[in-house]
Structure formats: C-alpha cells, structure tokens
Amino acid sequence: MAKILSRPEVTYKDLPIRNEALAEEVIQQVEIAVKYAGYIERQEVEVEKFKNLEDKMIPDVFDFSTVPSLRLEARQKLAEIRPATIGQAARISGVSPADISILMFG
C-alpha cells in the first residue's frame, strides 16, 4: 500500500484497503510520511553529516590564506570570523559547500 500511496496523484482515500476509522490528522500524517520518505531520509543524512562537522576543530593559528583552492571571499570571511569548527565555518555567509569540502580534504 505504501508503494501505491507514494505516487503523487494517489491519496489515502484512493487505496483499495484502508482503515475508515482513522482521524483525518492521522491520514494526513501517514500520507506525508509515505510521500516524503525519501526526502526525509536524505535530510536526516545531511543532518548527521552536519553534526559531524561540528566536531571537526580548526586550529586557532590556521592560516586560511595558505589554502589556494579557497575562493577569495571565503578566505576573507574565514580569516575575519575565525570559526572554531568546520560546522561554524559552514554557517558563514559567503562560504560555500565547495569551500568547506576544500577545508576538510584540501
């Protein structure tokens, strides 16, 4: 039933086998959970990745200007703000996900 319900044009009431006694709020939650399961799962993976970034420390004396692959704007922002972790660096406006990847692996 979940596979059928995951189709965009199908609602819970379209299912051949369903519980008519369910409250409308429950039906709505079931539809959302099934239809957006893939998106929710991907988002949870992203949240876990982000949590891991919070634990990756950046040394206090790190010289961002020595990382040639970083964009100039990112170097300037990082040098000015001096984030303590990769997670903090990822939240700085002007620092892109590509810049964060370079910091982590570069």
PDB file of N, CA and C in Angstrom:
ATOM      1  N   MET A   1       0.819  -1.193   0.000  1.00  0.00           N
ATOM      2  CA  MET A   1       0.000   0.000   0.000  1.00  0.00           C
ATOM      3  C   MET A   1       0.870   1.266   0.000  1.00  0.00           C
ATOM      4  N   ALA A   2       1.990   1.207   0.712  1.00  0.00           N
ATOM      5  CA  ALA A   2       2.875   2.374   0.783  1.00  0.00           C
ATOM      6  C   ALA A   2       3.404   2.741  -0.594  1.00  0.00           C
ATOM      7  N   LYS A   3       3.721   1.734  -1.396  1.00  0.00           N
ATOM      8  CA  LYS A   3       4.230   1.996  -2.743  1.00  0.00           C
ATOM      9  C   LYS A   3       3.175   2.718  -3.589  1.00  0.00           C
ATOM     10  N   ILE A   4       1.945   2.304  -3.464  1.00  0.00           N
ATOM     11  CA  ILE A   4       0.848   2.955  -4.202  1.00  0.00           C
ATOM     12  C   ILE A   4       0.652   4.375  -3.678  1.00  0.00           C
ATOM     13  N   LEU A   5       0.651   4.525  -2.363  1.00  0.00           N
ATOM     14  CA  LEU A   5       0.410   5.826  -1.748  1.00  0.00           C
ATOM     15  C   LEU A   5       1.539   6.811  -2.042  1.00  0.00           C
ATOM     16  N   SER A   6       2.715   6.325  -2.331  1.00  0.00           N
ATOM     17  CA  SER A   6       3.834   7.229  -2.601  1.00  0.00           C
ATOM     18  C   SER A   6       3.693   7.975  -3.930  1.00  0.00           C
ATOM     19  N   ARG A   7       2.802   7.513  -4.778  1.00  0.00           N
ATOM     20  CA  ARG A   7       2.550   8.218  -6.044  1.00  0.00           C
ATOM     21  C   ARG A   7       1.888   9.564  -5.750  1.00  0.00           C
ATOM     22  N   PRO A   8       2.299  10.622  -6.446  1.00  0.00           N
ATOM     23  CA  PRO A   8       1.771  11.961  -6.159  1.00  0.00           C
ATOM     24  C   PRO A   8       0.258  12.102  -6.331  1.00  0.00           C
ATOM     25  N   GLU A   9      -0.305  11.385  -7.280  1.00  0.00           N
ATOM     26  CA  GLU A   9      -1.734  11.558  -7.571  1.00  0.00           C
ATOM     27  C   GLU A   9      -2.637  10.705  -6.679  1.00  0.00           C
ATOM     28  N   VAL A  10      -2.065   9.848  -5.848  1.00  0.00           N
ATOM     29  CA  VAL A  10      -2.847   8.933  -5.017  1.00  0.00           C
ATOM     30  C   VAL A  10      -2.941   9.474  -3.591  1.00  0.00           C
ATOM     31  N   THR A  11      -4.150   9.438  -3.036  1.00  0.00           N
ATOM     32  CA  THR A  11      -4.345   9.821  -1.642  1.00  0.00           C
ATOM     33  C   THR A  11      -4.718   8.565  -0.850  1.00  0.00           C
ATOM     34  N   TYR A  12      -4.736   8.696   0.459  1.00  0.00           N
ATOM     35  CA  TYR A  12      -5.092   7.558   1.317  1.00  0.00           C
ATOM     36  C   TYR A  12      -6.483   7.037   0.961  1.00  0.00           C
ATOM     37  N   LYS A  13      -7.397   7.933   0.658  1.00  0.00           N
ATOM     38  CA  LYS A  13      -8.775   7.537   0.342  1.00  0.00           C
ATOM     39  C   LYS A  13      -8.882   6.777  -0.974  1.00  0.00           C
ATOM     40  N   ASP A  14      -7.840   6.844  -1.815  1.00  0.00           N
ATOM     41  CA  ASP A  14      -7.820   6.110  -3.078  1.00  0.00           C
ATOM     42  C   ASP A  14      -7.368   4.662  -2.899  1.00  0.00           C
ATOM     43  N   LEU A  15      -6.808   4.341  -1.749  1.00  0.00           N
ATOM     44  CA  LEU A  15      -6.283   2.988  -1.532  1.00  0.00           C
ATOM     45  C   LEU A  15      -7.421   1.966  -1.482  1.00  0.00           C
ATOM     46  N   PRO A  16      -7.211   0.800  -2.079  1.00  0.00           N
ATOM     47  CA  PRO A  16      -8.256  -0.220  -2.079  1.00  0.00           C
ATOM     48  C   PRO A  16      -8.514  -0.799  -0.680  1.00  0.00           C
ATOM     49  N   ILE A  17      -7.479  -0.843   0.141  1.00  0.00           N
ATOM     50  CA  ILE A  17      -7.633  -1.339   1.519  1.00  0.00           C
ATOM     51  C   ILE A  17      -7.196  -0.211   2.448  1.00  0.00           C
ATOM     52  N   ARG A  18      -8.114   0.239   3.300  1.00  0.00           N
ATOM     53  CA  ARG A  18      -7.799   1.350   4.205  1.00  0.00           C
ATOM     54  C   ARG A  18      -8.674   1.260   5.449  1.00  0.00           C
ATOM     55  N   ASN A  19      -8.236   1.927   6.472  1.00  0.00           N
ATOM     56  CA  ASN A  19      -8.967   1.962   7.735  1.00  0.00           C
ATOM     57  C   ASN A  19      -9.836   3.226   7.738  1.00  0.00           C
ATOM     58  N   GLU A  20     -11.120   3.068   7.607  1.00  0.00           N
ATOM     59  CA  GLU A  20     -12.058   4.195   7.545  1.00  0.00           C
ATOM     60  C   GLU A  20     -12.193   4.912   8.894  1.00  0.00           C
ATOM     61  N   ALA A  21     -11.771   4.276   9.966  1.00  0.00           N
ATOM     62  CA  ALA A  21     -11.931   4.858  11.301  1.00  0.00           C
ATOM     63  C   ALA A  21     -10.801   5.827  11.670  1.00  0.00           C
ATOM     64  N   LEU A  22      -9.786   5.948  10.826  1.00  0.00           N
ATOM     65  CA  LEU A  22      -8.673   6.835  11.158  1.00  0.00           C
ATOM     66  C   LEU A  22      -9.093   8.300  11.116  1.00  0.00           C
ATOM     67  N   ALA A  23      -8.568   9.066  12.050  1.00  0.00           N
ATOM     68  CA  ALA A  23      -8.831  10.513  12.075  1.00  0.00           C
ATOM     69  C   ALA A  23      -8.140  11.171  10.881  1.00  0.00           C
ATOM     70  N   GLU A  24      -8.702  12.270  10.436  1.00  0.00           N
ATOM     71  CA  GLU A  24      -8.155  12.989   9.278  1.00  0.00           C
ATOM     72  C   GLU A  24      -6.697  13.405   9.512  1.00  0.00           C
ATOM     73  N   GLU A  25      -6.363  13.793  10.745  1.00  0.00           N
ATOM     74  CA  GLU A  25      -4.986  14.195  11.064  1.00  0.00           C
ATOM     75  C   GLU A  25      -4.024  13.021  10.893  1.00  0.00           C
ATOM     76  N   VAL A  26      -4.448  11.832  11.292  1.00  0.00           N
ATOM     77  CA  VAL A  26      -3.615  10.634  11.171  1.00  0.00           C
ATOM     78  C   VAL A  26      -3.417  10.301   9.697  1.00  0.00           C
ATOM     79  N   ILE A  27      -4.487  10.377   8.931  1.00  0.00           N
ATOM     80  CA  ILE A  27      -4.410  10.108   7.488  1.00  0.00           C
ATOM     81  C   ILE A  27      -3.424  11.070   6.838  1.00  0.00           C
ATOM     82  N   GLN A  28      -3.518  12.328   7.204  1.00  0.00           N
ATOM     83  CA  GLN A  28      -2.624  13.342   6.639  1.00  0.00           C
ATOM     84  C   GLN A  28      -1.167  13.046   7.002  1.00  0.00           C
ATOM     85  N   GLN A  29      -0.917  12.663   8.239  1.00  0.00           N
ATOM     86  CA  GLN A  29       0.445  12.339   8.666  1.00  0.00           C
ATOM     87  C   GLN A  29       0.984  11.117   7.929  1.00  0.00           C
ATOM     88  N   VAL A  30       0.134  10.127   7.728  1.00  0.00           N
ATOM     89  CA  VAL A  30       0.553   8.929   7.001  1.00  0.00           C
ATOM     90  C   VAL A  30       0.912   9.300   5.563  1.00  0.00           C
ATOM     91  N   GLU A  31       0.074  10.082   4.913  1.00  0.00           N
ATOM     92  CA  GLU A  31       0.349  10.497   3.536  1.00  0.00           C
ATOM     93  C   GLU A  31       1.668  11.245   3.445  1.00  0.00           C
ATOM     94  N   ILE A  32       1.885  12.178   4.336  1.00  0.00           N
ATOM     95  CA  ILE A  32       3.123  12.969   4.326  1.00  0.00           C
ATOM     96  C   ILE A  32       4.330  12.067   4.551  1.00  0.00           C
ATOM     97  N   ALA A  33       4.239  11.187   5.542  1.00  0.00           N
ATOM     98  CA  ALA A  33       5.362  10.297   5.854  1.00  0.00           C
ATOM     99  C   ALA A  33       5.717   9.413   4.665  1.00  0.00           C
ATOM    100  N   VAL A  34       4.705   8.881   3.990  1.00  0.00           N
ATOM    101  CA  VAL A  34       4.952   7.979   2.864  1.00  0.00           C
ATOM    102  C   VAL A  34       5.435   8.752   1.644  1.00  0.00           C
ATOM    103  N   LYS A  35       4.763   9.835   1.311  1.00  0.00           N
ATOM    104  CA  LYS A  35       5.104  10.589   0.103  1.00  0.00           C
ATOM    105  C   LYS A  35       6.469  11.265   0.188  1.00  0.00           C
ATOM    106  N   TYR A  36       6.870  11.659   1.376  1.00  0.00           N
ATOM    107  CA  TYR A  36       8.126  12.395   1.530  1.00  0.00           C
ATOM    108  C   TYR A  36       9.219  11.575   2.209  1.00  0.00           C
ATOM    109  N   ALA A  37       9.048  10.272   2.304  1.00  0.00           N
ATOM    110  CA  ALA A  37      10.019   9.412   2.996  1.00  0.00           C
ATOM    111  C   ALA A  37      11.428   9.571   2.434  1.00  0.00           C
ATOM    112  N   GLY A  38      11.556   9.598   1.131  1.00  0.00           N
ATOM    113  CA  GLY A  38      12.878   9.738   0.508  1.00  0.00           C
ATOM    114  C   GLY A  38      13.530  11.058   0.854  1.00  0.00           C
ATOM    115  N   TYR A  39      12.751  12.129   0.797  1.00  0.00           N
ATOM    116  CA  TYR A  39      13.276  13.454   1.127  1.00  0.00           C
ATOM    117  C   TYR A  39      13.677  13.526   2.601  1.00  0.00           C
ATOM    118  N   ILE A  40      12.838  12.974   3.446  1.00  0.00           N
ATOM    119  CA  ILE A  40      13.104  12.999   4.888  1.00  0.00           C
ATOM    120  C   ILE A  40      14.379  12.214   5.193  1.00  0.00           C
ATOM    121  N   GLU A  41      14.535  11.079   4.561  1.00  0.00           N
ATOM    122  CA  GLU A  41      15.733  10.257   4.783  1.00  0.00           C
ATOM    123  C   GLU A  41      16.991  11.004   4.349  1.00  0.00           C
ATOM    124  N   ARG A  42      16.943  11.635   3.180  1.00  0.00           N
ATOM    125  CA  ARG A  42      18.107  12.394   2.706  1.00  0.00           C
ATOM    126  C   ARG A  42      18.428  13.545   3.650  1.00  0.00           C
ATOM    127  N   GLN A  43      17.387  14.200   4.142  1.00  0.00           N
ATOM    128  CA  GLN A  43      17.599  15.310   5.068  1.00  0.00           C
ATOM    129  C   GLN A  43      18.224  14.823   6.376  1.00  0.00           C
ATOM    130  N   GLU A  44      17.796  13.667   6.854  1.00  0.00           N
ATOM    131  CA  GLU A  44      18.376  13.110   8.079  1.00  0.00           C
ATOM    132  C   GLU A  44      19.850  12.786   7.888  1.00  0.00           C
ATOM    133  N   VAL A  45      20.215  12.291   6.700  1.00  0.00           N
ATOM    134  CA  VAL A  45      21.621  12.014   6.397  1.00  0.00           C
ATOM    135  C   VAL A  45      22.412  13.327   6.412  1.00  0.00           C
ATOM    136  N   GLU A  46      21.845  14.373   5.823  1.00  0.00           N
ATOM    137  CA  GLU A  46      22.511  15.673   5.815  1.00  0.00           C
ATOM    138  C   GLU A  46      22.698  16.219   7.228  1.00  0.00           C
ATOM    139  N   VAL A  47      21.697  16.043   8.074  1.00  0.00           N
ATOM    140  CA  VAL A  47      21.791  16.498   9.467  1.00  0.00           C
ATOM    141  C   VAL A  47      22.922  15.760  10.178  1.00  0.00           C
ATOM    142  N   GLU A  48      23.034  14.458   9.951  1.00  0.00           N
ATOM    143  CA  GLU A  48      24.110  13.677  10.570  1.00  0.00           C
ATOM    144  C   GLU A  48      25.472  14.162  10.098  1.00  0.00           C
ATOM    145  N   LYS A  49      25.595  14.423   8.798  1.00  0.00           N
ATOM    146  CA  LYS A  49      26.860  14.947   8.265  1.00  0.00           C
ATOM    147  C   LYS A  49      27.203  16.268   8.934  1.00  0.00           C
ATOM    148  N   PHE A  50      26.187  17.123   9.065  1.00  0.00           N
ATOM    149  CA  PHE A  50      26.402  18.431   9.658  1.00  0.00           C
ATOM    150  C   PHE A  50      26.828  18.299  11.120  1.00  0.00           C
ATOM    151  N   LYS A  51      26.232  17.358  11.843  1.00  0.00           N
ATOM    152  CA  LYS A  51      26.619  17.129  13.243  1.00  0.00           C
ATOM    153  C   LYS A  51      28.089  16.743  13.326  1.00  0.00           C
ATOM    154  N   ASN A  52      28.532  15.925  12.377  1.00  0.00           N
ATOM    155  CA  ASN A  52      29.939  15.512  12.358  1.00  0.00           C
ATOM    156  C   ASN A  52      30.865  16.693  12.102  1.00  0.00           C
ATOM    157  N   LEU A  53      30.404  17.669  11.327  1.00  0.00           N
ATOM    158  CA  LEU A  53      31.222  18.856  11.056  1.00  0.00           C
ATOM    159  C   LEU A  53      31.442  19.681  12.319  1.00  0.00           C
ATOM    160  N   GLU A  54      30.476  19.639  13.219  1.00  0.00           N
ATOM    161  CA  GLU A  54      30.587  20.410  14.460  1.00  0.00           C
ATOM    162  C   GLU A  54      31.751  19.936  15.317  1.00  0.00           C
ATOM    163  N   ASP A  55      32.138  18.677  15.168  1.00  0.00           N
ATOM    164  CA  ASP A  55      33.213  18.118  15.978  1.00  0.00           C
ATOM    165  C   ASP A  55      34.597  18.311  15.368  1.00  0.00           C
ATOM    166  N   LYS A  56      34.660  18.708  14.111  1.00  0.00           N
ATOM    167  CA  LYS A  56      35.953  18.864  13.434  1.00  0.00           C
ATOM    168  C   LYS A  56      36.504  20.264  13.722  1.00  0.00           C
ATOM    169  N   MET A  57      37.528  20.288  14.557  1.00  0.00           N
ATOM    170  CA  MET A  57      38.113  21.553  15.002  1.00  0.00           C
ATOM    171  C   MET A  57      39.036  22.145  13.936  1.00  0.00           C
ATOM    172  N   ILE A  58      39.097  23.472  13.917  1.00  0.00           N
ATOM    173  CA  ILE A  58      40.045  24.211  13.087  1.00  0.00           C
ATOM    174  C   ILE A  58      41.058  24.824  14.054  1.00  0.00           C
ATOM    175  N   PRO A  59      42.342  24.542  13.869  1.00  0.00           N
ATOM    176  CA  PRO A  59      43.345  25.108  14.783  1.00  0.00           C
ATOM    177  C   PRO A  59      43.263  26.643  14.843  1.00  0.00           C
ATOM    178  N   ASP A  60      43.480  27.208  16.027  1.00  0.00           N
ATOM    179  CA  ASP A  60      43.411  28.662  16.215  1.00  0.00           C
ATOM    180  C   ASP A  60      44.361  29.413  15.292  1.00  0.00           C
ATOM    181  N   VAL A  61      45.490  28.817  15.000  1.00  0.00           N
ATOM    182  CA  VAL A  61      46.518  29.503  14.216  1.00  0.00           C
ATOM    183  C   VAL A  61      46.438  29.181  12.719  1.00  0.00           C
ATOM    184  N   PHE A  62      45.375  28.503  12.312  1.00  0.00           N
ATOM    185  CA  PHE A  62      45.254  28.112  10.900  1.00  0.00           C
ATOM    186  C   PHE A  62      45.221  29.354  10.017  1.00  0.00           C
ATOM    187  N   ASP A  63      46.045  29.347   8.971  1.00  0.00           N
ATOM    188  CA  ASP A  63      46.117  30.473   8.031  1.00  0.00           C
ATOM    189  C   ASP A  63      45.320  30.119   6.777  1.00  0.00           C
ATOM    190  N   PHE A  64      44.126  30.676   6.684  1.00  0.00           N
ATOM    191  CA  PHE A  64      43.232  30.369   5.561  1.00  0.00           C
ATOM    192  C   PHE A  64      43.806  30.853   4.229  1.00  0.00           C
ATOM    193  N   SER A  65      44.675  31.845   4.274  1.00  0.00           N
ATOM    194  CA  SER A  65      45.257  32.363   3.032  1.00  0.00           C
ATOM    195  C   SER A  65      46.213  31.366   2.384  1.00  0.00           C
ATOM    196  N   THR A  66      46.609  30.345   3.108  1.00  0.00           N
ATOM    197  CA  THR A  66      47.524  29.338   2.548  1.00  0.00           C
ATOM    198  C   THR A  66      46.793  28.238   1.794  1.00  0.00           C
ATOM    199  N   VAL A  67      45.480  28.297   1.765  1.00  0.00           N
ATOM    200  CA  VAL A  67      44.695  27.284   1.045  1.00  0.00           C
ATOM    201  C   VAL A  67      44.339  27.869  -0.318  1.00  0.00           C
ATOM    202  N   PRO A  68      45.121  27.528  -1.347  1.00  0.00           N
ATOM    203  CA  PRO A  68      44.963  28.179  -2.649  1.00  0.00           C
ATOM    204  C   PRO A  68      43.630  27.913  -3.340  1.00  0.00           C
ATOM    205  N   SER A  69      42.991  26.803  -3.059  1.00  0.00           N
ATOM    206  CA  SER A  69      41.742  26.456  -3.749  1.00  0.00           C
ATOM    207  C   SER A  69      40.527  27.190  -3.186  1.00  0.00           C
ATOM    208  N   LEU A  70      40.654  27.788  -1.999  1.00  0.00           N
ATOM    209  CA  LEU A  70      39.528  28.537  -1.422  1.00  0.00           C
ATOM    210  C   LEU A  70      39.278  29.803  -2.227  1.00  0.00           C
ATOM    211  N   ARG A  71      38.021  30.119  -2.415  1.00  0.00           N
ATOM    212  CA  ARG A  71      37.696  31.375  -3.093  1.00  0.00           C
ATOM    213  C   ARG A  71      38.138  32.546  -2.214  1.00  0.00           C
ATOM    214  N   LEU A  72      38.442  33.656  -2.837  1.00  0.00           N
ATOM    215  CA  LEU A  72      38.925  34.836  -2.120  1.00  0.00           C
ATOM    216  C   LEU A  72      37.930  35.278  -1.048  1.00  0.00           C
ATOM    217  N   GLU A  73      36.638  35.327  -1.392  1.00  0.00           N
ATOM    218  CA  GLU A  73      35.623  35.744  -0.421  1.00  0.00           C
ATOM    219  C   GLU A  73      35.616  34.815   0.798  1.00  0.00           C
ATOM    220  N   ALA A  74      35.732  33.517   0.551  1.00  0.00           N
ATOM    221  CA  ALA A  74      35.734  32.547   1.659  1.00  0.00           C
ATOM    222  C   ALA A  74      36.965  32.757   2.532  1.00  0.00           C
ATOM    223  N   ARG A  75      38.130  32.945   1.910  1.00  0.00           N
ATOM    224  CA  ARG A  75      39.357  33.189   2.687  1.00  0.00           C
ATOM    225  C   ARG A  75      39.194  34.405   3.588  1.00  0.00           C
ATOM    226  N   GLN A  76      38.646  35.468   3.017  1.00  0.00           N
ATOM    227  CA  GLN A  76      38.480  36.709   3.784  1.00  0.00           C
ATOM    228  C   GLN A  76      37.515  36.521   4.946  1.00  0.00           C
ATOM    229  N   LYS A  77      36.379  35.901   4.676  1.00  0.00           N
ATOM    230  CA  LYS A  77      35.376  35.698   5.725  1.00  0.00           C
ATOM    231  C   LYS A  77      35.918  34.790   6.828  1.00  0.00           C
ATOM    232  N   LEU A  78      36.565  33.708   6.440  1.00  0.00           N
ATOM    233  CA  LEU A  78      37.099  32.767   7.418  1.00  0.00           C
ATOM    234  C   LEU A  78      38.192  33.411   8.270  1.00  0.00           C
ATOM    235  N   ALA A  79      39.044  34.212   7.656  1.00  0.00           N
ATOM    236  CA  ALA A  79      40.119  34.891   8.391  1.00  0.00           C
ATOM    237  C   ALA A  79      39.544  35.930   9.350  1.00  0.00           C
ATOM    238  N   GLU A  80      38.478  36.589   8.940  1.00  0.00           N
ATOM    239  CA  GLU A  80      37.853  37.618   9.779  1.00  0.00           C
ATOM    240  C   GLU A  80      37.095  37.004  10.957  1.00  0.00           C
ATOM    241  N   ILE A  81      36.317  35.968  10.698  1.00  0.00           N
ATOM    242  CA  ILE A  81      35.442  35.386  11.728  1.00  0.00           C
ATOM    243  C   ILE A  81      36.177  34.364  12.599  1.00  0.00           C
ATOM    244  N   ARG A  82      37.150  33.659  12.031  1.00  0.00           N
ATOM    245  CA  ARG A  82      37.941  32.653  12.766  1.00  0.00           C
ATOM    246  C   ARG A  82      37.061  31.581  13.420  1.00  0.00           C
ATOM    247  N   PRO A  83      36.308  30.815  12.633  1.00  0.00           N
ATOM    248  CA  PRO A  83      35.457  29.767  13.221  1.00  0.00           C
ATOM    249  C   PRO A  83      36.310  28.716  13.928  1.00  0.00           C
ATOM    250  N   ALA A  84      35.768  28.162  14.996  1.00  0.00           N
ATOM    251  CA  ALA A  84      36.488  27.141  15.763  1.00  0.00           C
ATOM    252  C   ALA A  84      36.310  25.746  15.175  1.00  0.00           C
ATOM    253  N   THR A  85      35.201  25.543  14.455  1.00  0.00           N
ATOM    254  CA  THR A  85      34.929  24.226  13.873  1.00  0.00           C
ATOM    255  C   THR A  85      34.516  24.363  12.409  1.00  0.00           C
ATOM    256  N   ILE A  86      34.574  23.254  11.699  1.00  0.00           N
ATOM    257  CA  ILE A  86      34.114  23.223  10.306  1.00  0.00           C
ATOM    258  C   ILE A  86      32.622  23.543  10.255  1.00  0.00           C
ATOM    259  N   GLY A  87      31.872  23.084  11.242  1.00  0.00           N
ATOM    260  CA  GLY A  87      30.436  23.367  11.302  1.00  0.00           C
ATOM    261  C   GLY A  87      30.159  24.859  11.383  1.00  0.00           C
ATOM    262  N   GLN A  88      30.923  25.559  12.202  1.00  0.00           N
ATOM    263  CA  GLN A  88      30.766  27.018  12.291  1.00  0.00           C
ATOM    264  C   GLN A  88      31.134  27.673  10.967  1.00  0.00           C
ATOM    265  N   ALA A  89      32.183  27.192  10.336  1.00  0.00           N
ATOM    266  CA  ALA A  89      32.611  27.739   9.046  1.00  0.00           C
ATOM    267  C   ALA A  89      31.519  27.545   7.994  1.00  0.00           C
ATOM    268  N   ALA A  90      30.828  26.424   8.049  1.00  0.00           N
ATOM    269  CA  ALA A  90      29.779  26.118   7.064  1.00  0.00           C
ATOM    270  C   ALA A  90      28.596  27.067   7.176  1.00  0.00           C
ATOM    271  N   ARG A  91      28.417  27.683   8.334  1.00  0.00           N
ATOM    272  CA  ARG A  91      27.281  28.589   8.525  1.00  0.00           C
ATOM    273  C   ARG A  91      27.602  30.043   8.187  1.00  0.00           C
ATOM    274  N   ILE A  92      28.822  30.316   7.765  1.00  0.00           N
ATOM    275  CA  ILE A  92      29.218  31.682   7.441  1.00  0.00           C
ATOM    276  C   ILE A  92      28.722  32.034   6.047  1.00  0.00           C
ATOM    277  N   SER A  93      28.028  33.148   5.957  1.00  0.00           N
ATOM    278  CA  SER A  93      27.568  33.644   4.658  1.00  0.00           C
ATOM    279  C   SER A  93      28.788  33.951   3.799  1.00  0.00           C
ATOM    280  N   GLY A  94      28.764  33.445   2.573  1.00  0.00           N
ATOM    281  CA  GLY A  94      29.889  33.681   1.678  1.00  0.00           C
ATOM    282  C   GLY A  94      30.864  32.513   1.632  1.00  0.00           C
ATOM    283  N   VAL A  95      30.651  31.517   2.480  1.00  0.00           N
ATOM    284  CA  VAL A  95      31.469  30.303   2.452  1.00  0.00           C
ATOM    285  C   VAL A  95      30.591  29.193   1.880  1.00  0.00           C
ATOM    286  N   SER A  96      30.988  28.685   0.734  1.00  0.00           N
ATOM    287  CA  SER A  96      30.163  27.703   0.022  1.00  0.00           C
ATOM    288  C   SER A  96      30.451  26.279   0.485  1.00  0.00           C
ATOM    289  N   PRO A  97      29.557  25.337   0.152  1.00  0.00           N
ATOM    290  CA  PRO A  97      29.830  23.931   0.445  1.00  0.00           C
ATOM    291  C   PRO A  97      31.140  23.449  -0.195  1.00  0.00           C
ATOM    292  N   ALA A  98      31.462  23.984  -1.365  1.00  0.00           N
ATOM    293  CA  ALA A  98      32.733  23.615  -2.022  1.00  0.00           C
ATOM    294  C   ALA A  98      33.915  24.093  -1.185  1.00  0.00           C
ATOM    295  N   ASP A  99      33.799  25.280  -0.603  1.00  0.00           N
ATOM    296  CA  ASP A  99      34.868  25.799   0.260  1.00  0.00           C
ATOM    297  C   ASP A  99      35.052  24.902   1.477  1.00  0.00           C
ATOM    298  N   ILE A 100      33.946  24.442   2.037  1.00  0.00           N
ATOM    299  CA  ILE A 100      34.001  23.562   3.214  1.00  0.00           C
ATOM    300  C   ILE A 100      34.674  22.240   2.834  1.00  0.00           C
ATOM    301  N   SER A 101      34.340  21.699   1.686  1.00  0.00           N
ATOM    302  CA  SER A 101      34.982  20.466   1.226  1.00  0.00           C
ATOM    303  C   SER A 101      36.484  20.658   1.088  1.00  0.00           C
ATOM    304  N   ILE A 102      36.889  21.787   0.561  1.00  0.00           N
ATOM    305  CA  ILE A 102      38.305  22.078   0.415  1.00  0.00           C
ATOM    306  C   ILE A 102      38.981  22.151   1.782  1.00  0.00           C
ATOM    307  N   LEU A 103      38.320  22.797   2.736  1.00  0.00           N
ATOM    308  CA  LEU A 103      38.881  22.868   4.087  1.00  0.00           C
ATOM    309  C   LEU A 103      39.038  21.484   4.706  1.00  0.00           C
ATOM    310  N   MET A 104      38.066  20.628   4.485  1.00  0.00           N
ATOM    311  CA  MET A 104      38.092  19.310   5.098  1.00  0.00           C
ATOM    312  C   MET A 104      39.106  18.378   4.455  1.00  0.00           C
ATOM    313  N   PHE A 105      39.241  18.466   3.140  1.00  0.00           N
ATOM    314  CA  PHE A 105      40.067  17.484   2.430  1.00  0.00           C
ATOM    315  C   PHE A 105      41.277  18.088   1.744  1.00  0.00           C
ATOM    316  N   GLY A 106      41.336  19.406   1.736  1.00  0.00           N
ATOM    317  CA  GLY A 106      42.415  20.068   0.989  1.00  0.00           C
ATOM    318  C   GLY A 106      43.702  20.169   1.731  1.00  0.00           C
TER     319      GLY A 106
END
